[in-house]
Amino acid sequence: MAIMTIEGKEYEIDTMTDEQKELVNVIRINTTTANVTAHQLQCVNAIGRVKVDELKSLLESNMNGKNN
């Protein structure tokens, strides 16, 4: 028995109409897509921070008379 909780209320998916089940599927796809997109954004942000730190390190090395 599959249950979907919406705003704190539980609904049994097995007793839903086909139209309701289609919407449940769309909501699942939406949630999965949002999670994947959020993960991708976290990865992009992490790489951005690494590259900023890398540039900062190179700039500071050059200011201290080191050449890289």
PDB file of N, CA and C in Angstrom:
ATOM      1  N   MET A   1       0.855  -1.173   0.000  1.00  0.00           N
ATOM      2  CA  MET A   1       0.000   0.000   0.000  1.00  0.00           C
ATOM      3  C   MET A   1       0.900   1.236   0.000  1.00  0.00           C
ATOM      4  N   ALA A   2       0.825   2.009  -1.062  1.00  0.00           N
ATOM      5  CA  ALA A   2       1.616   3.221  -1.189  1.00  0.00           C
ATOM      6  C   ALA A   2       0.814   4.404  -0.667  1.00  0.00           C
ATOM      7  N   ILE A   3       1.517   5.235   0.098  1.00  0.00           N
ATOM      8  CA  ILE A   3       0.879   6.399   0.705  1.00  0.00           C
ATOM      9  C   ILE A   3       1.605   7.652   0.238  1.00  0.00           C
ATOM     10  N   MET A   4       0.851   8.704  -0.035  1.00  0.00           N
ATOM     11  CA  MET A   4       1.428  10.002  -0.349  1.00  0.00           C
ATOM     12  C   MET A   4       0.926  10.982   0.703  1.00  0.00           C
ATOM     13  N   THR A   5       1.854  11.744   1.273  1.00  0.00           N
ATOM     14  CA  THR A   5       1.489  12.728   2.286  1.00  0.00           C
ATOM     15  C   THR A   5       1.542  14.114   1.664  1.00  0.00           C
ATOM     16  N   ILE A   6       0.444  14.832   1.763  1.00  0.00           N
ATOM     17  CA  ILE A   6       0.333  16.193   1.242  1.00  0.00           C
ATOM     18  C   ILE A   6      -0.123  17.082   2.386  1.00  0.00           C
ATOM     19  N   GLU A   7       0.755  18.022   2.747  1.00  0.00           N
ATOM     20  CA  GLU A   7       0.460  18.971   3.821  1.00  0.00           C
ATOM     21  C   GLU A   7      -0.012  18.259   5.086  1.00  0.00           C
ATOM     22  N   GLY A   8       0.680  17.182   5.429  1.00  0.00           N
ATOM     23  CA  GLY A   8       0.409  16.459   6.666  1.00  0.00           C
ATOM     24  C   GLY A   8      -0.726  15.441   6.594  1.00  0.00           C
ATOM     25  N   LYS A   9      -1.409  15.365   5.479  1.00  0.00           N
ATOM     26  CA  LYS A   9      -2.501  14.410   5.328  1.00  0.00           C
ATOM     27  C   LYS A   9      -2.072  13.286   4.403  1.00  0.00           C
ATOM     28  N   GLU A  10      -2.354  12.046   4.805  1.00  0.00           N
ATOM     29  CA  GLU A  10      -1.968  10.879   4.015  1.00  0.00           C
ATOM     30  C   GLU A  10      -3.090  10.455   3.073  1.00  0.00           C
ATOM     31  N   TYR A  11      -2.665  10.077   1.867  1.00  0.00           N
ATOM     32  CA  TYR A  11      -3.599   9.600   0.843  1.00  0.00           C
ATOM     33  C   TYR A  11      -3.076   8.273   0.307  1.00  0.00           C
ATOM     34  N   GLU A  12      -3.955   7.314   0.158  1.00  0.00           N
ATOM     35  CA  GLU A  12      -3.589   6.013  -0.375  1.00  0.00           C
ATOM     36  C   GLU A  12      -3.610   6.073  -1.897  1.00  0.00           C
ATOM     37  N   ILE A  13      -2.477   5.830  -2.506  1.00  0.00           N
ATOM     38  CA  ILE A  13      -2.348   5.965  -3.956  1.00  0.00           C
ATOM     39  C   ILE A  13      -3.163   4.901  -4.688  1.00  0.00           C
ATOM     40  N   ASP A  14      -3.236   3.707  -4.111  1.00  0.00           N
ATOM     41  CA  ASP A  14      -3.957   2.606  -4.768  1.00  0.00           C
ATOM     42  C   ASP A  14      -5.430   2.916  -5.005  1.00  0.00           C
ATOM     43  N   THR A  15      -6.011   3.789  -4.202  1.00  0.00           N
ATOM     44  CA  THR A  15      -7.437   4.098  -4.346  1.00  0.00           C
ATOM     45  C   THR A  15      -7.689   5.354  -5.178  1.00  0.00           C
ATOM     46  N   MET A  16      -6.631   5.957  -5.689  1.00  0.00           N
ATOM     47  CA  MET A  16      -6.781   7.174  -6.493  1.00  0.00           C
ATOM     48  C   MET A  16      -7.255   6.842  -7.898  1.00  0.00           C
ATOM     49  N   THR A  17      -7.834   7.842  -8.545  1.00  0.00           N
ATOM     50  CA  THR A  17      -8.228   7.696  -9.948  1.00  0.00           C
ATOM     51  C   THR A  17      -6.964   7.706 -10.814  1.00  0.00           C
ATOM     52  N   ASP A  18      -7.115   7.321 -12.069  1.00  0.00           N
ATOM     53  CA  ASP A  18      -5.981   7.344 -12.987  1.00  0.00           C
ATOM     54  C   ASP A  18      -5.425   8.757 -13.133  1.00  0.00           C
ATOM     55  N   GLU A  19      -6.297   9.735 -13.191  1.00  0.00           N
ATOM     56  CA  GLU A  19      -5.855  11.131 -13.313  1.00  0.00           C
ATOM     57  C   GLU A  19      -5.024  11.539 -12.088  1.00  0.00           C
ATOM     58  N   GLN A  20      -5.485  11.141 -10.903  1.00  0.00           N
ATOM     59  CA  GLN A  20      -4.749  11.462  -9.680  1.00  0.00           C
ATOM     60  C   GLN A  20      -3.393  10.749  -9.654  1.00  0.00           C
ATOM     61  N   LYS A  21      -3.396   9.491 -10.104  1.00  0.00           N
ATOM     62  CA  LYS A  21      -2.138   8.736 -10.150  1.00  0.00           C
ATOM     63  C   LYS A  21      -1.145   9.371 -11.122  1.00  0.00           C
ATOM     64  N   GLU A  22      -1.635   9.908 -12.236  1.00  0.00           N
ATOM     65  CA  GLU A  22      -0.769  10.603 -13.181  1.00  0.00           C
ATOM     66  C   GLU A  22      -0.140  11.826 -12.527  1.00  0.00           C
ATOM     67  N   LEU A  23      -0.934  12.544 -11.746  1.00  0.00           N
ATOM     68  CA  LEU A  23      -0.405  13.714 -11.048  1.00  0.00           C
ATOM     69  C   LEU A  23       0.629  13.310  -9.989  1.00  0.00           C
ATOM     70  N   VAL A  24       0.393  12.188  -9.325  1.00  0.00           N
ATOM     71  CA  VAL A  24       1.374  11.675  -8.365  1.00  0.00           C
ATOM     72  C   VAL A  24       2.689  11.406  -9.089  1.00  0.00           C
ATOM     73  N   ASN A  25       2.614  10.813 -10.271  1.00  0.00           N
ATOM     74  CA  ASN A  25       3.817  10.530 -11.054  1.00  0.00           C
ATOM     75  C   ASN A  25       4.525  11.816 -11.457  1.00  0.00           C
ATOM     76  N   VAL A  26       3.775  12.828 -11.879  1.00  0.00           N
ATOM     77  CA  VAL A  26       4.364  14.115 -12.245  1.00  0.00           C
ATOM     78  C   VAL A  26       5.054  14.743 -11.035  1.00  0.00           C
ATOM     79  N   ILE A  27       4.433  14.659  -9.884  1.00  0.00           N
ATOM     80  CA  ILE A  27       5.017  15.203  -8.658  1.00  0.00           C
ATOM     81  C   ILE A  27       6.308  14.473  -8.310  1.00  0.00           C
ATOM     82  N   ARG A  28       6.316  13.159  -8.468  1.00  0.00           N
ATOM     83  CA  ARG A  28       7.540  12.380  -8.200  1.00  0.00           C
ATOM     84  C   ARG A  28       8.661  12.786  -9.144  1.00  0.00           C
ATOM     85  N   ILE A  29       8.345  12.916 -10.418  1.00  0.00           N
ATOM     86  CA  ILE A  29       9.351  13.329 -11.405  1.00  0.00           C
ATOM     87  C   ILE A  29       9.861  14.729 -11.069  1.00  0.00           C
ATOM     88  N   ASN A  30       8.942  15.618 -10.707  1.00  0.00           N
ATOM     89  CA  ASN A  30       9.309  16.980 -10.338  1.00  0.00           C
ATOM     90  C   ASN A  30      10.257  16.988  -9.148  1.00  0.00           C
ATOM     91  N   THR A  31       9.949  16.203  -8.141  1.00  0.00           N
ATOM     92  CA  THR A  31      10.787  16.133  -6.937  1.00  0.00           C
ATOM     93  C   THR A  31      12.165  15.579  -7.267  1.00  0.00           C
ATOM     94  N   THR A  32      12.205  14.524  -8.063  1.00  0.00           N
ATOM     95  CA  THR A  32      13.480  13.937  -8.465  1.00  0.00           C
ATOM     96  C   THR A  32      14.306  14.940  -9.263  1.00  0.00           C
ATOM     97  N   THR A  33      13.683  15.613 -10.203  1.00  0.00           N
ATOM     98  CA  THR A  33      14.375  16.607 -11.018  1.00  0.00           C
ATOM     99  C   THR A  33      14.903  17.745 -10.154  1.00  0.00           C
ATOM    100  N   ALA A  34      14.098  18.213  -9.221  1.00  0.00           N
ATOM    101  CA  ALA A  34      14.530  19.284  -8.322  1.00  0.00           C
ATOM    102  C   ALA A  34      15.721  18.842  -7.483  1.00  0.00           C
ATOM    103  N   ASN A  35      15.713  17.611  -6.998  1.00  0.00           N
ATOM    104  CA  ASN A  35      16.827  17.098  -6.198  1.00  0.00           C
ATOM    105  C   ASN A  35      18.106  16.982  -7.025  1.00  0.00           C
ATOM    106  N   VAL A  36      17.977  16.480  -8.255  1.00  0.00           N
ATOM    107  CA  VAL A  36      19.145  16.350  -9.137  1.00  0.00           C
ATOM    108  C   VAL A  36      19.697  17.740  -9.468  1.00  0.00           C
ATOM    109  N   THR A  37      18.810  18.680  -9.770  1.00  0.00           N
ATOM    110  CA  THR A  37      19.232  20.034 -10.102  1.00  0.00           C
ATOM    111  C   THR A  37      19.916  20.697  -8.910  1.00  0.00           C
ATOM    112  N   ALA A  38      19.391  20.502  -7.723  1.00  0.00           N
ATOM    113  CA  ALA A  38      20.010  21.057  -6.517  1.00  0.00           C
ATOM    114  C   ALA A  38      21.407  20.475  -6.310  1.00  0.00           C
ATOM    115  N   HIS A  39      21.546  19.180  -6.557  1.00  0.00           N
ATOM    116  CA  HIS A  39      22.856  18.536  -6.438  1.00  0.00           C
ATOM    117  C   HIS A  39      23.837  19.110  -7.460  1.00  0.00           C
ATOM    118  N   GLN A  40      23.375  19.283  -8.681  1.00  0.00           N
ATOM    119  CA  GLN A  40      24.236  19.850  -9.720  1.00  0.00           C
ATOM    120  C   GLN A  40      24.682  21.258  -9.334  1.00  0.00           C
ATOM    121  N   LEU A  41      23.778  22.054  -8.796  1.00  0.00           N
ATOM    122  CA  LEU A  41      24.106  23.410  -8.378  1.00  0.00           C
ATOM    123  C   LEU A  41      25.135  23.393  -7.250  1.00  0.00           C
ATOM    124  N   GLN A  42      24.991  22.472  -6.319  1.00  0.00           N
ATOM    125  CA  GLN A  42      25.978  22.347  -5.246  1.00  0.00           C
ATOM    126  C   GLN A  42      27.356  22.013  -5.818  1.00  0.00           C
ATOM    127  N   CYS A  43      27.397  21.144  -6.806  1.00  0.00           N
ATOM    128  CA  CYS A  43      28.669  20.780  -7.448  1.00  0.00           C
ATOM    129  C   CYS A  43      29.274  21.983  -8.161  1.00  0.00           C
ATOM    130  N   VAL A  44      28.478  22.721  -8.907  1.00  0.00           N
ATOM    131  CA  VAL A  44      28.967  23.899  -9.620  1.00  0.00           C
ATOM    132  C   VAL A  44      29.492  24.928  -8.621  1.00  0.00           C
ATOM    133  N   ASN A  45      28.759  25.157  -7.540  1.00  0.00           N
ATOM    134  CA  ASN A  45      29.194  26.111  -6.526  1.00  0.00           C
ATOM    135  C   ASN A  45      30.494  25.672  -5.867  1.00  0.00           C
ATOM    136  N   ALA A  46      30.636  24.389  -5.613  1.00  0.00           N
ATOM    137  CA  ALA A  46      31.858  23.877  -4.991  1.00  0.00           C
ATOM    138  C   ALA A  46      33.056  24.095  -5.910  1.00  0.00           C
ATOM    139  N   ILE A  47      32.910  23.796  -7.183  1.00  0.00           N
ATOM    140  CA  ILE A  47      33.998  24.011  -8.139  1.00  0.00           C
ATOM    141  C   ILE A  47      34.326  25.499  -8.220  1.00  0.00           C
ATOM    142  N   GLY A  48      33.311  26.331  -8.202  1.00  0.00           N
ATOM    143  CA  GLY A  48      33.534  27.778  -8.228  1.00  0.00           C
ATOM    144  C   GLY A  48      34.365  28.237  -7.039  1.00  0.00           C
ATOM    145  N   ARG A  49      34.032  27.724  -5.843  1.00  0.00           N
ATOM    146  CA  ARG A  49      34.797  28.087  -4.645  1.00  0.00           C
ATOM    147  C   ARG A  49      36.242  27.613  -4.753  1.00  0.00           C
ATOM    148  N   VAL A  50      36.441  26.403  -5.266  1.00  0.00           N
ATOM    149  CA  VAL A  50      37.792  25.860  -5.433  1.00  0.00           C
ATOM    150  C   VAL A  50      38.595  26.741  -6.393  1.00  0.00           C
ATOM    151  N   LYS A  51      37.993  27.144  -7.495  1.00  0.00           N
ATOM    152  CA  LYS A  51      38.697  27.953  -8.484  1.00  0.00           C
ATOM    153  C   LYS A  51      38.993  29.356  -7.950  1.00  0.00           C
ATOM    154  N   VAL A  52      38.099  29.935  -7.178  1.00  0.00           N
ATOM    155  CA  VAL A  52      38.361  31.236  -6.557  1.00  0.00           C
ATOM    156  C   VAL A  52      39.526  31.114  -5.587  1.00  0.00           C
ATOM    157  N   ASP A  53      39.526  30.063  -4.775  1.00  0.00           N
ATOM    158  CA  ASP A  53      40.640  29.836  -3.846  1.00  0.00           C
ATOM    159  C   ASP A  53      41.956  29.621  -4.588  1.00  0.00           C
ATOM    160  N   GLU A  54      41.890  28.899  -5.706  1.00  0.00           N
ATOM    161  CA  GLU A  54      43.083  28.659  -6.522  1.00  0.00           C
ATOM    162  C   GLU A  54      43.630  29.974  -7.066  1.00  0.00           C
ATOM    163  N   LEU A  55      42.762  30.816  -7.596  1.00  0.00           N
ATOM    164  CA  LEU A  55      43.183  32.111  -8.116  1.00  0.00           C
ATOM    165  C   LEU A  55      43.742  32.984  -6.999  1.00  0.00           C
ATOM    166  N   LYS A  56      43.077  33.016  -5.877  1.00  0.00           N
ATOM    167  CA  LYS A  56      43.537  33.807  -4.732  1.00  0.00           C
ATOM    168  C   LYS A  56      44.941  33.372  -4.319  1.00  0.00           C
ATOM    169  N   SER A  57      45.167  32.071  -4.265  1.00  0.00           N
ATOM    170  CA  SER A  57      46.477  31.543  -3.891  1.00  0.00           C
ATOM    171  C   SER A  57      47.551  31.964  -4.890  1.00  0.00           C
ATOM    172  N   LEU A  58      47.247  31.889  -6.179  1.00  0.00           N
ATOM    173  CA  LEU A  58      48.202  32.289  -7.204  1.00  0.00           C
ATOM    174  C   LEU A  58      48.500  33.787  -7.133  1.00  0.00           C
ATOM    175  N   LEU A  59      47.464  34.584  -6.921  1.00  0.00           N
ATOM    176  CA  LEU A  59      47.659  36.029  -6.827  1.00  0.00           C
ATOM    177  C   LEU A  59      48.502  36.388  -5.611  1.00  0.00           C
ATOM    178  N   GLU A  60      48.239  35.743  -4.492  1.00  0.00           N
ATOM    179  CA  GLU A  60      49.010  36.007  -3.281  1.00  0.00           C
ATOM    180  C   GLU A  60      50.454  35.545  -3.441  1.00  0.00           C
ATOM    181  N   SER A  61      50.672  34.441  -4.138  1.00  0.00           N
ATOM    182  CA  SER A  61      52.038  33.969  -4.403  1.00  0.00           C
ATOM    183  C   SER A  61      52.800  34.982  -5.234  1.00  0.00           C
ATOM    184  N   ASN A  62      52.154  35.537  -6.245  1.00  0.00           N
ATOM    185  CA  ASN A  62      52.794  36.539  -7.099  1.00  0.00           C
ATOM    186  C   ASN A  62      53.101  37.811  -6.320  1.00  0.00           C
ATOM    187  N   MET A  63      52.237  38.183  -5.405  1.00  0.00           N
ATOM    188  CA  MET A  63      52.456  39.387  -4.595  1.00  0.00           C
ATOM    189  C   MET A  63      53.622  39.197  -3.632  1.00  0.00           C
ATOM    190  N   ASN A  64      53.898  37.962  -3.242  1.00  0.00           N
ATOM    191  CA  ASN A  64      54.975  37.669  -2.321  1.00  0.00           C
ATOM    192  C   ASN A  64      56.285  37.377  -3.044  1.00  0.00           C
ATOM    193  N   GLY A  65      56.337  37.666  -4.333  1.00  0.00           N
ATOM    194  CA  GLY A  65      57.556  37.514  -5.097  1.00  0.00           C
ATOM    195  C   GLY A  65      57.788  36.128  -5.650  1.00  0.00           C
ATOM    196  N   LYS A  66      56.850  35.254  -5.502  1.00  0.00           N
ATOM    197  CA  LYS A  66      56.988  33.907  -6.055  1.00  0.00           C
ATOM    198  C   LYS A  66      56.388  33.882  -7.437  1.00  0.00           C
ATOM    199  N   ASN A  67      56.935  33.103  -8.309  1.00  0.00           N
ATOM    200  CA  ASN A  67      56.377  32.958  -9.658  1.00  0.00           C
ATOM    201  C   ASN A  67      55.932  31.524  -9.860  1.00  0.00           C
ATOM    202  N   ASN A  68      54.712  31.334 -10.281  1.00  0.00           N
ATOM    203  CA  ASN A  68      54.163  30.011 -10.563  1.00  0.00           C
ATOM    204  C   ASN A  68      53.710  29.950 -11.994  1.00  0.00           C
TER     205      ASN A  68
END
